[in-house]
Amino acid sequence: QKLFQEDNGIPVYLKGGIADALLYRATMLLT
């Protein structure tokens, strides 16, 4: 909760770390 509620300018779908960033990029690439 603390990690995802921080106001640091990072979108919530990327706050999970490197795995979220890789998953997001793979999804965009496939799309």
PDB file of all heavy atoms in Angstrom:
ATOM      1  N   GLN A   1       0.831  -1.203   0.000  1.00  0.00           N
ATOM      2  CA  GLN A   1       0.000   0.000   0.000  1.00  0.00           C
ATOM      3  C   GLN A   1       0.865   1.252   0.000  1.00  0.00           C
ATOM      4  O   GLN A   1       0.604   2.199  -0.744  1.00  0.00           O
ATOM      5  CB  GLN A   1      -0.926   0.009   1.218  1.00  0.00           C
ATOM      6  CG  GLN A   1      -2.107  -0.905   1.103  1.00  0.00           C
ATOM      7  CD  GLN A   1      -2.962  -0.909   2.357  1.00  0.00           C
ATOM      8  OE1 GLN A   1      -2.517  -0.517   3.435  1.00  0.00           O
ATOM      9  NE2 GLN A   1      -4.200  -1.371   2.214  1.00  0.00           N
ATOM     10  N   LYS A   2       1.905   1.266   0.814  1.00  0.00           N
ATOM     11  CA  LYS A   2       2.808   2.428   0.846  1.00  0.00           C
ATOM     12  C   LYS A   2       3.485   2.629  -0.504  1.00  0.00           C
ATOM     13  O   LYS A   2       3.615   3.748  -0.988  1.00  0.00           O
ATOM     14  CB  LYS A   2       3.860   2.247   1.934  1.00  0.00           C
ATOM     15  CG  LYS A   2       3.325   2.422   3.324  1.00  0.00           C
ATOM     16  CD  LYS A   2       4.412   2.215   4.358  1.00  0.00           C
ATOM     17  CE  LYS A   2       3.832   2.255   5.763  1.00  0.00           C
ATOM     18  NZ  LYS A   2       4.854   1.981   6.780  1.00  0.00           N
ATOM     19  N   LEU A   3       3.911   1.523  -1.116  1.00  0.00           N
ATOM     20  CA  LEU A   3       4.590   1.597  -2.405  1.00  0.00           C
ATOM     21  C   LEU A   3       3.666   2.163  -3.485  1.00  0.00           C
ATOM     22  O   LEU A   3       4.052   3.062  -4.236  1.00  0.00           O
ATOM     23  CB  LEU A   3       5.071   0.201  -2.825  1.00  0.00           C
ATOM     24  CG  LEU A   3       5.657   0.091  -4.230  1.00  0.00           C
ATOM     25  CD1 LEU A   3       7.019   0.769  -4.277  1.00  0.00           C
ATOM     26  CD2 LEU A   3       5.767  -1.359  -4.642  1.00  0.00           C
ATOM     27  N   PHE A   4       2.441   1.668  -3.547  1.00  0.00           N
ATOM     28  CA  PHE A   4       1.536   2.075  -4.621  1.00  0.00           C
ATOM     29  C   PHE A   4       0.878   3.427  -4.359  1.00  0.00           C
ATOM     30  O   PHE A   4       0.373   4.052  -5.282  1.00  0.00           O
ATOM     31  CB  PHE A   4       0.475   1.000  -4.855  1.00  0.00           C
ATOM     32  CG  PHE A   4       1.002  -0.168  -5.637  1.00  0.00           C
ATOM     33  CD1 PHE A   4       1.473  -1.293  -4.986  1.00  0.00           C
ATOM     34  CD2 PHE A   4       1.044  -0.125  -7.010  1.00  0.00           C
ATOM     35  CE1 PHE A   4       1.970  -2.364  -5.702  1.00  0.00           C
ATOM     36  CE2 PHE A   4       1.536  -1.192  -7.741  1.00  0.00           C
ATOM     37  CZ  PHE A   4       2.007  -2.315  -7.081  1.00  0.00           C
ATOM     38  N   GLN A   5       0.872   3.913  -3.127  1.00  0.00           N
ATOM     39  CA  GLN A   5       0.246   5.194  -2.831  1.00  0.00           C
ATOM     40  C   GLN A   5       1.229   6.348  -2.814  1.00  0.00           C
ATOM     41  O   GLN A   5       0.829   7.492  -2.647  1.00  0.00           O
ATOM     42  CB  GLN A   5      -0.489   5.119  -1.488  1.00  0.00           C
ATOM     43  CG  GLN A   5      -1.727   4.255  -1.562  1.00  0.00           C
ATOM     44  CD  GLN A   5      -2.441   4.140  -0.232  1.00  0.00           C
ATOM     45  OE1 GLN A   5      -1.974   4.629   0.787  1.00  0.00           O
ATOM     46  NE2 GLN A   5      -3.597   3.495  -0.241  1.00  0.00           N
ATOM     47  N   GLU A   6       2.513   6.083  -3.010  1.00  0.00           N
ATOM     48  CA  GLU A   6       3.499   7.161  -3.080  1.00  0.00           C
ATOM     49  C   GLU A   6       3.201   8.062  -4.273  1.00  0.00           C
ATOM     50  O   GLU A   6       2.837   7.590  -5.345  1.00  0.00           O
ATOM     51  CB  GLU A   6       4.909   6.589  -3.254  1.00  0.00           C
ATOM     52  CG  GLU A   6       5.563   6.141  -2.000  1.00  0.00           C
ATOM     53  CD  GLU A   6       6.973   5.640  -2.268  1.00  0.00           C
ATOM     54  OE1 GLU A   6       7.535   5.936  -3.340  1.00  0.00           O
ATOM     55  OE2 GLU A   6       7.504   4.952  -1.392  1.00  0.00           O
ATOM     56  N   ASP A   7       3.396   9.346  -4.087  1.00  0.00           N
ATOM     57  CA  ASP A   7       3.200  10.296  -5.181  1.00  0.00           C
ATOM     58  C   ASP A   7       4.567  10.643  -5.757  1.00  0.00           C
ATOM     59  O   ASP A   7       5.182  11.645  -5.404  1.00  0.00           O
ATOM     60  CB  ASP A   7       2.483  11.551  -4.677  1.00  0.00           C
ATOM     61  CG  ASP A   7       2.087  12.477  -5.815  1.00  0.00           C
ATOM     62  OD1 ASP A   7       2.028  12.008  -6.965  1.00  0.00           O
ATOM     63  OD2 ASP A   7       1.848  13.667  -5.541  1.00  0.00           O
ATOM     64  N   ASN A   8       5.078   9.782  -6.626  1.00  0.00           N
ATOM     65  CA  ASN A   8       6.406   9.993  -7.194  1.00  0.00           C
ATOM     66  C   ASN A   8       6.375  10.137  -8.719  1.00  0.00           C
ATOM     67  O   ASN A   8       7.408  10.091  -9.357  1.00  0.00           O
ATOM     68  CB  ASN A   8       7.347   8.861  -6.785  1.00  0.00           C
ATOM     69  CG  ASN A   8       6.809   7.496  -7.120  1.00  0.00           C
ATOM     70  OD1 ASN A   8       5.779   7.378  -7.771  1.00  0.00           O
ATOM     71  ND2 ASN A   8       7.495   6.469  -6.671  1.00  0.00           N
ATOM     72  N   GLY A   9       5.205  10.311  -9.302  1.00  0.00           N
ATOM     73  CA  GLY A   9       5.092  10.545 -10.729  1.00  0.00           C
ATOM     74  C   GLY A   9       5.134   9.299 -11.596  1.00  0.00           C
ATOM     75  O   GLY A   9       5.023   9.399 -12.811  1.00  0.00           O
ATOM     76  N   ILE A  10       5.317   8.135 -11.003  1.00  0.00           N
ATOM     77  CA  ILE A  10       5.328   6.890 -11.771  1.00  0.00           C
ATOM     78  C   ILE A  10       3.892   6.378 -11.882  1.00  0.00           C
ATOM     79  O   ILE A  10       3.171   6.346 -10.892  1.00  0.00           O
ATOM     80  CB  ILE A  10       6.209   5.835 -11.063  1.00  0.00           C
ATOM     81  CG1 ILE A  10       7.647   6.319 -10.965  1.00  0.00           C
ATOM     82  CG2 ILE A  10       6.157   4.507 -11.803  1.00  0.00           C
ATOM     83  CD1 ILE A  10       8.551   5.408 -10.162  1.00  0.00           C
ATOM     84  N   PRO A  11       3.461   5.982 -13.079  1.00  0.00           N
ATOM     85  CA  PRO A  11       2.101   5.439 -13.213  1.00  0.00           C
ATOM     86  C   PRO A  11       1.934   4.178 -12.365  1.00  0.00           C
ATOM     87  O   PRO A  11       2.885   3.424 -12.154  1.00  0.00           O
ATOM     88  CB  PRO A  11       1.992   5.101 -14.701  1.00  0.00           C
ATOM     89  CG  PRO A  11       3.088   5.836 -15.368  1.00  0.00           C
ATOM     90  CD  PRO A  11       4.155   6.041 -14.361  1.00  0.00           C
ATOM     91  N   VAL A  12       0.726   3.939 -11.919  1.00  0.00           N
ATOM     92  CA  VAL A  12       0.469   2.829 -11.000  1.00  0.00           C
ATOM     93  C   VAL A  12       0.778   1.484 -11.647  1.00  0.00           C
ATOM     94  O   VAL A  12       1.198   0.548 -10.971  1.00  0.00           O
ATOM     95  CB  VAL A  12      -0.970   2.890 -10.458  1.00  0.00           C
ATOM     96  CG1 VAL A  12      -1.973   2.529 -11.526  1.00  0.00           C
ATOM     97  CG2 VAL A  12      -1.151   1.992  -9.252  1.00  0.00           C
ATOM     98  N   TYR A  13       0.637   1.369 -12.958  1.00  0.00           N
ATOM     99  CA  TYR A  13       0.897   0.103 -13.622  1.00  0.00           C
ATOM    100  C   TYR A  13       2.385  -0.173 -13.799  1.00  0.00           C
ATOM    101  O   TYR A  13       2.769  -1.237 -14.262  1.00  0.00           O
ATOM    102  CB  TYR A  13       0.175   0.013 -14.972  1.00  0.00           C
ATOM    103  CG  TYR A  13       0.403   1.179 -15.898  1.00  0.00           C
ATOM    104  CD1 TYR A  13       1.487   1.214 -16.744  1.00  0.00           C
ATOM    105  CD2 TYR A  13      -0.492   2.244 -15.919  1.00  0.00           C
ATOM    106  CE1 TYR A  13       1.697   2.274 -17.585  1.00  0.00           C
ATOM    107  CE2 TYR A  13      -0.299   3.313 -16.764  1.00  0.00           C
ATOM    108  CZ  TYR A  13       0.793   3.325 -17.601  1.00  0.00           C
ATOM    109  OH  TYR A  13       0.985   4.381 -18.433  1.00  0.00           O
ATOM    110  N   LEU A  14       3.248   0.755 -13.409  1.00  0.00           N
ATOM    111  CA  LEU A  14       4.694   0.542 -13.465  1.00  0.00           C
ATOM    112  C   LEU A  14       5.355   0.547 -12.088  1.00  0.00           C
ATOM    113  O   LEU A  14       6.565   0.387 -11.987  1.00  0.00           O
ATOM    114  CB  LEU A  14       5.348   1.615 -14.345  1.00  0.00           C
ATOM    115  CG  LEU A  14       4.981   1.595 -15.818  1.00  0.00           C
ATOM    116  CD1 LEU A  14       5.627   2.766 -16.541  1.00  0.00           C
ATOM    117  CD2 LEU A  14       5.379   0.295 -16.458  1.00  0.00           C
ATOM    118  N   LYS A  15       4.578   0.742 -11.040  1.00  0.00           N
ATOM    119  CA  LYS A  15       5.153   0.838  -9.700  1.00  0.00           C
ATOM    120  C   LYS A  15       5.615  -0.496  -9.136  1.00  0.00           C
ATOM    121  O   LYS A  15       6.293  -0.533  -8.125  1.00  0.00           O
ATOM    122  CB  LYS A  15       4.152   1.472  -8.731  1.00  0.00           C
ATOM    123  CG  LYS A  15       4.033   2.960  -8.919  1.00  0.00           C
ATOM    124  CD  LYS A  15       3.225   3.590  -7.825  1.00  0.00           C
ATOM    125  CE  LYS A  15       3.176   5.088  -8.011  1.00  0.00           C
ATOM    126  NZ  LYS A  15       2.511   5.752  -6.910  1.00  0.00           N
ATOM    127  N   GLY A  16       5.273  -1.597  -9.771  1.00  0.00           N
ATOM    128  CA  GLY A  16       5.647  -2.916  -9.274  1.00  0.00           C
ATOM    129  C   GLY A  16       7.101  -3.270  -9.508  1.00  0.00           C
ATOM    130  O   GLY A  16       7.587  -4.261  -8.998  1.00  0.00           O
ATOM    131  N   GLY A  17       7.802  -2.497 -10.305  1.00  0.00           N
ATOM    132  CA  GLY A  17       9.222  -2.750 -10.538  1.00  0.00           C
ATOM    133  C   GLY A  17       9.519  -3.152 -11.969  1.00  0.00           C
ATOM    134  O   GLY A  17       8.764  -2.870 -12.902  1.00  0.00           O
ATOM    135  N   ILE A  18      10.643  -3.829 -12.124  1.00  0.00           N
ATOM    136  CA  ILE A  18      11.130  -4.181 -13.459  1.00  0.00           C
ATOM    137  C   ILE A  18      10.196  -5.172 -14.153  1.00  0.00           C
ATOM    138  O   ILE A  18      10.035  -5.114 -15.372  1.00  0.00           O
ATOM    139  CB  ILE A  18      12.573  -4.741 -13.385  1.00  0.00           C
ATOM    140  CG1 ILE A  18      13.184  -4.907 -14.769  1.00  0.00           C
ATOM    141  CG2 ILE A  18      12.623  -6.047 -12.659  1.00  0.00           C
ATOM    142  CD1 ILE A  18      13.809  -3.651 -15.280  1.00  0.00           C
ATOM    143  N   ALA A  19       9.572  -6.056 -13.402  1.00  0.00           N
ATOM    144  CA  ALA A  19       8.657  -7.027 -14.013  1.00  0.00           C
ATOM    145  C   ALA A  19       7.465  -6.315 -14.633  1.00  0.00           C
ATOM    146  O   ALA A  19       7.017  -6.673 -15.732  1.00  0.00           O
ATOM    147  CB  ALA A  19       8.194  -8.043 -12.974  1.00  0.00           C
ATOM    148  N   ASP A  20       6.942  -5.294 -13.961  1.00  0.00           N
ATOM    149  CA  ASP A  20       5.819  -4.540 -14.521  1.00  0.00           C
ATOM    150  C   ASP A  20       6.242  -3.781 -15.774  1.00  0.00           C
ATOM    151  O   ASP A  20       5.496  -3.701 -16.742  1.00  0.00           O
ATOM    152  CB  ASP A  20       5.271  -3.553 -13.491  1.00  0.00           C
ATOM    153  CG  ASP A  20       4.376  -4.219 -12.474  1.00  0.00           C
ATOM    154  OD1 ASP A  20       4.057  -5.406 -12.643  1.00  0.00           O
ATOM    155  OD2 ASP A  20       3.994  -3.540 -11.506  1.00  0.00           O
ATOM    156  N   ALA A  21       7.442  -3.224 -15.761  1.00  0.00           N
ATOM    157  CA  ALA A  21       7.927  -2.486 -16.929  1.00  0.00           C
ATOM    158  C   ALA A  21       8.094  -3.423 -18.130  1.00  0.00           C
ATOM    159  O   ALA A  21       7.713  -3.075 -19.251  1.00  0.00           O
ATOM    160  CB  ALA A  21       9.245  -1.792 -16.605  1.00  0.00           C
ATOM    161  N   LEU A  22       8.648  -4.610 -17.884  1.00  0.00           N
ATOM    162  CA  LEU A  22       8.819  -5.567 -18.979  1.00  0.00           C
ATOM    163  C   LEU A  22       7.475  -6.061 -19.510  1.00  0.00           C
ATOM    164  O   LEU A  22       7.284  -6.185 -20.724  1.00  0.00           O
ATOM    165  CB  LEU A  22       9.667  -6.753 -18.513  1.00  0.00           C
ATOM    166  CG  LEU A  22      11.141  -6.457 -18.261  1.00  0.00           C
ATOM    167  CD1 LEU A  22      11.836  -7.674 -17.676  1.00  0.00           C
ATOM    168  CD2 LEU A  22      11.823  -6.027 -19.543  1.00  0.00           C
ATOM    169  N   LEU A  23       6.559  -6.322 -18.624  1.00  0.00           N
ATOM    170  CA  LEU A  23       5.230  -6.767 -19.040  1.00  0.00           C
ATOM    171  C   LEU A  23       4.513  -5.677 -19.836  1.00  0.00           C
ATOM    172  O   LEU A  23       3.871  -5.953 -20.855  1.00  0.00           O
ATOM    173  CB  LEU A  23       4.408  -7.159 -17.817  1.00  0.00           C
ATOM    174  CG  LEU A  23       3.046  -7.771 -18.073  1.00  0.00           C
ATOM    175  CD1 LEU A  23       3.173  -9.051 -18.885  1.00  0.00           C
ATOM    176  CD2 LEU A  23       2.349  -8.050 -16.765  1.00  0.00           C
ATOM    177  N   TYR A  24       4.639  -4.434 -19.406  1.00  0.00           N
ATOM    178  CA  TYR A  24       4.028  -3.313 -20.118  1.00  0.00           C
ATOM    179  C   TYR A  24       4.623  -3.172 -21.518  1.00  0.00           C
ATOM    180  O   TYR A  24       3.898  -3.024 -22.509  1.00  0.00           O
ATOM    181  CB  TYR A  24       4.233  -2.026 -19.317  1.00  0.00           C
ATOM    182  CG  TYR A  24       3.771  -0.786 -20.028  1.00  0.00           C
ATOM    183  CD1 TYR A  24       2.415  -0.512 -20.168  1.00  0.00           C
ATOM    184  CD2 TYR A  24       4.677   0.110 -20.574  1.00  0.00           C
ATOM    185  CE1 TYR A  24       1.983   0.627 -20.830  1.00  0.00           C
ATOM    186  CE2 TYR A  24       4.251   1.249 -21.225  1.00  0.00           C
ATOM    187  CZ  TYR A  24       2.913   1.495 -21.348  1.00  0.00           C
ATOM    188  OH  TYR A  24       2.486   2.626 -22.000  1.00  0.00           O
ATOM    189  N   ARG A  25       5.951  -3.251 -21.610  1.00  0.00           N
ATOM    190  CA  ARG A  25       6.601  -3.104 -22.920  1.00  0.00           C
ATOM    191  C   ARG A  25       6.256  -4.254 -23.854  1.00  0.00           C
ATOM    192  O   ARG A  25       6.045  -4.055 -25.053  1.00  0.00           O
ATOM    193  CB  ARG A  25       8.111  -2.979 -22.746  1.00  0.00           C
ATOM    194  CG  ARG A  25       8.490  -1.644 -22.160  1.00  0.00           C
ATOM    195  CD  ARG A  25       9.970  -1.462 -22.055  1.00  0.00           C
ATOM    196  NE  ARG A  25      10.256  -0.160 -21.469  1.00  0.00           N
ATOM    197  CZ  ARG A  25      11.288   0.079 -20.696  1.00  0.00           C
ATOM    198  NH1 ARG A  25      12.146  -0.874 -20.416  1.00  0.00           N
ATOM    199  NH2 ARG A  25      11.476   1.281 -20.200  1.00  0.00           N
ATOM    200  N   ALA A  26       6.191  -5.475 -23.307  1.00  0.00           N
ATOM    201  CA  ALA A  26       5.815  -6.622 -24.132  1.00  0.00           C
ATOM    202  C   ALA A  26       4.382  -6.487 -24.624  1.00  0.00           C
ATOM    203  O   ALA A  26       4.082  -6.794 -25.787  1.00  0.00           O
ATOM    204  CB  ALA A  26       5.984  -7.913 -23.333  1.00  0.00           C
ATOM    205  N   THR A  27       3.502  -5.998 -23.778  1.00  0.00           N
ATOM    206  CA  THR A  27       2.112  -5.795 -24.181  1.00  0.00           C
ATOM    207  C   THR A  27       2.010  -4.741 -25.274  1.00  0.00           C
ATOM    208  O   THR A  27       1.288  -4.925 -26.260  1.00  0.00           O
ATOM    209  CB  THR A  27       1.270  -5.370 -22.959  1.00  0.00           C
ATOM    210  OG1 THR A  27       1.385  -6.369 -21.948  1.00  0.00           O
ATOM    211  CG2 THR A  27      -0.184  -5.197 -23.330  1.00  0.00           C
ATOM    212  N   MET A  28       2.732  -3.661 -25.120  1.00  0.00           N
ATOM    213  CA  MET A  28       2.711  -2.610 -26.141  1.00  0.00           C
ATOM    214  C   MET A  28       3.298  -3.119 -27.457  1.00  0.00           C
ATOM    215  O   MET A  28       2.779  -2.826 -28.536  1.00  0.00           O
ATOM    216  CB  MET A  28       3.487  -1.376 -25.674  1.00  0.00           C
ATOM    217  CG  MET A  28       2.776  -0.582 -24.614  1.00  0.00           C
ATOM    218  SD  MET A  28       1.216   0.079 -25.226  1.00  0.00           S
ATOM    219  CE  MET A  28       0.064  -0.814 -24.234  1.00  0.00           C
ATOM    220  N   LEU A  29       4.372  -3.878 -27.383  1.00  0.00           N
ATOM    221  CA  LEU A  29       4.994  -4.429 -28.586  1.00  0.00           C
ATOM    222  C   LEU A  29       4.034  -5.358 -29.314  1.00  0.00           C
ATOM    223  O   LEU A  29       3.871  -5.263 -30.539  1.00  0.00           O
ATOM    224  CB  LEU A  29       6.281  -5.174 -28.221  1.00  0.00           C
ATOM    225  CG  LEU A  29       7.039  -5.803 -29.378  1.00  0.00           C
ATOM    226  CD1 LEU A  29       7.615  -4.718 -30.278  1.00  0.00           C
ATOM    227  CD2 LEU A  29       8.129  -6.701 -28.852  1.00  0.00           C
ATOM    228  N   LEU A  30       3.368  -6.241 -28.570  1.00  0.00           N
ATOM    229  CA  LEU A  30       2.408  -7.153 -29.201  1.00  0.00           C
ATOM    230  C   LEU A  30       1.209  -6.404 -29.773  1.00  0.00           C
ATOM    231  O   LEU A  30       0.703  -6.754 -30.845  1.00  0.00           O
ATOM    232  CB  LEU A  30       1.934  -8.192 -28.184  1.00  0.00           C
ATOM    233  CG  LEU A  30       2.953  -9.266 -27.825  1.00  0.00           C
ATOM    234  CD1 LEU A  30       2.448 -10.105 -26.657  1.00  0.00           C
ATOM    235  CD2 LEU A  30       3.244 -10.134 -29.016  1.00  0.00           C
ATOM    236  N   THR A  31       0.771  -5.358 -29.095  1.00  0.00           N
ATOM    237  CA  THR A  31      -0.368  -4.580 -29.579  1.00  0.00           C
ATOM    238  C   THR A  31      -0.023  -3.849 -30.868  1.00  0.00           C
ATOM    239  O   THR A  31      -0.778  -3.905 -31.852  1.00  0.00           O
ATOM    240  CB  THR A  31      -0.814  -3.578 -28.500  1.00  0.00           C
ATOM    241  OG1 THR A  31      -1.144  -4.294 -27.314  1.00  0.00           O
ATOM    242  CG2 THR A  31      -2.010  -2.776 -28.956  1.00  0.00           C
TER     243      THR A  31
END
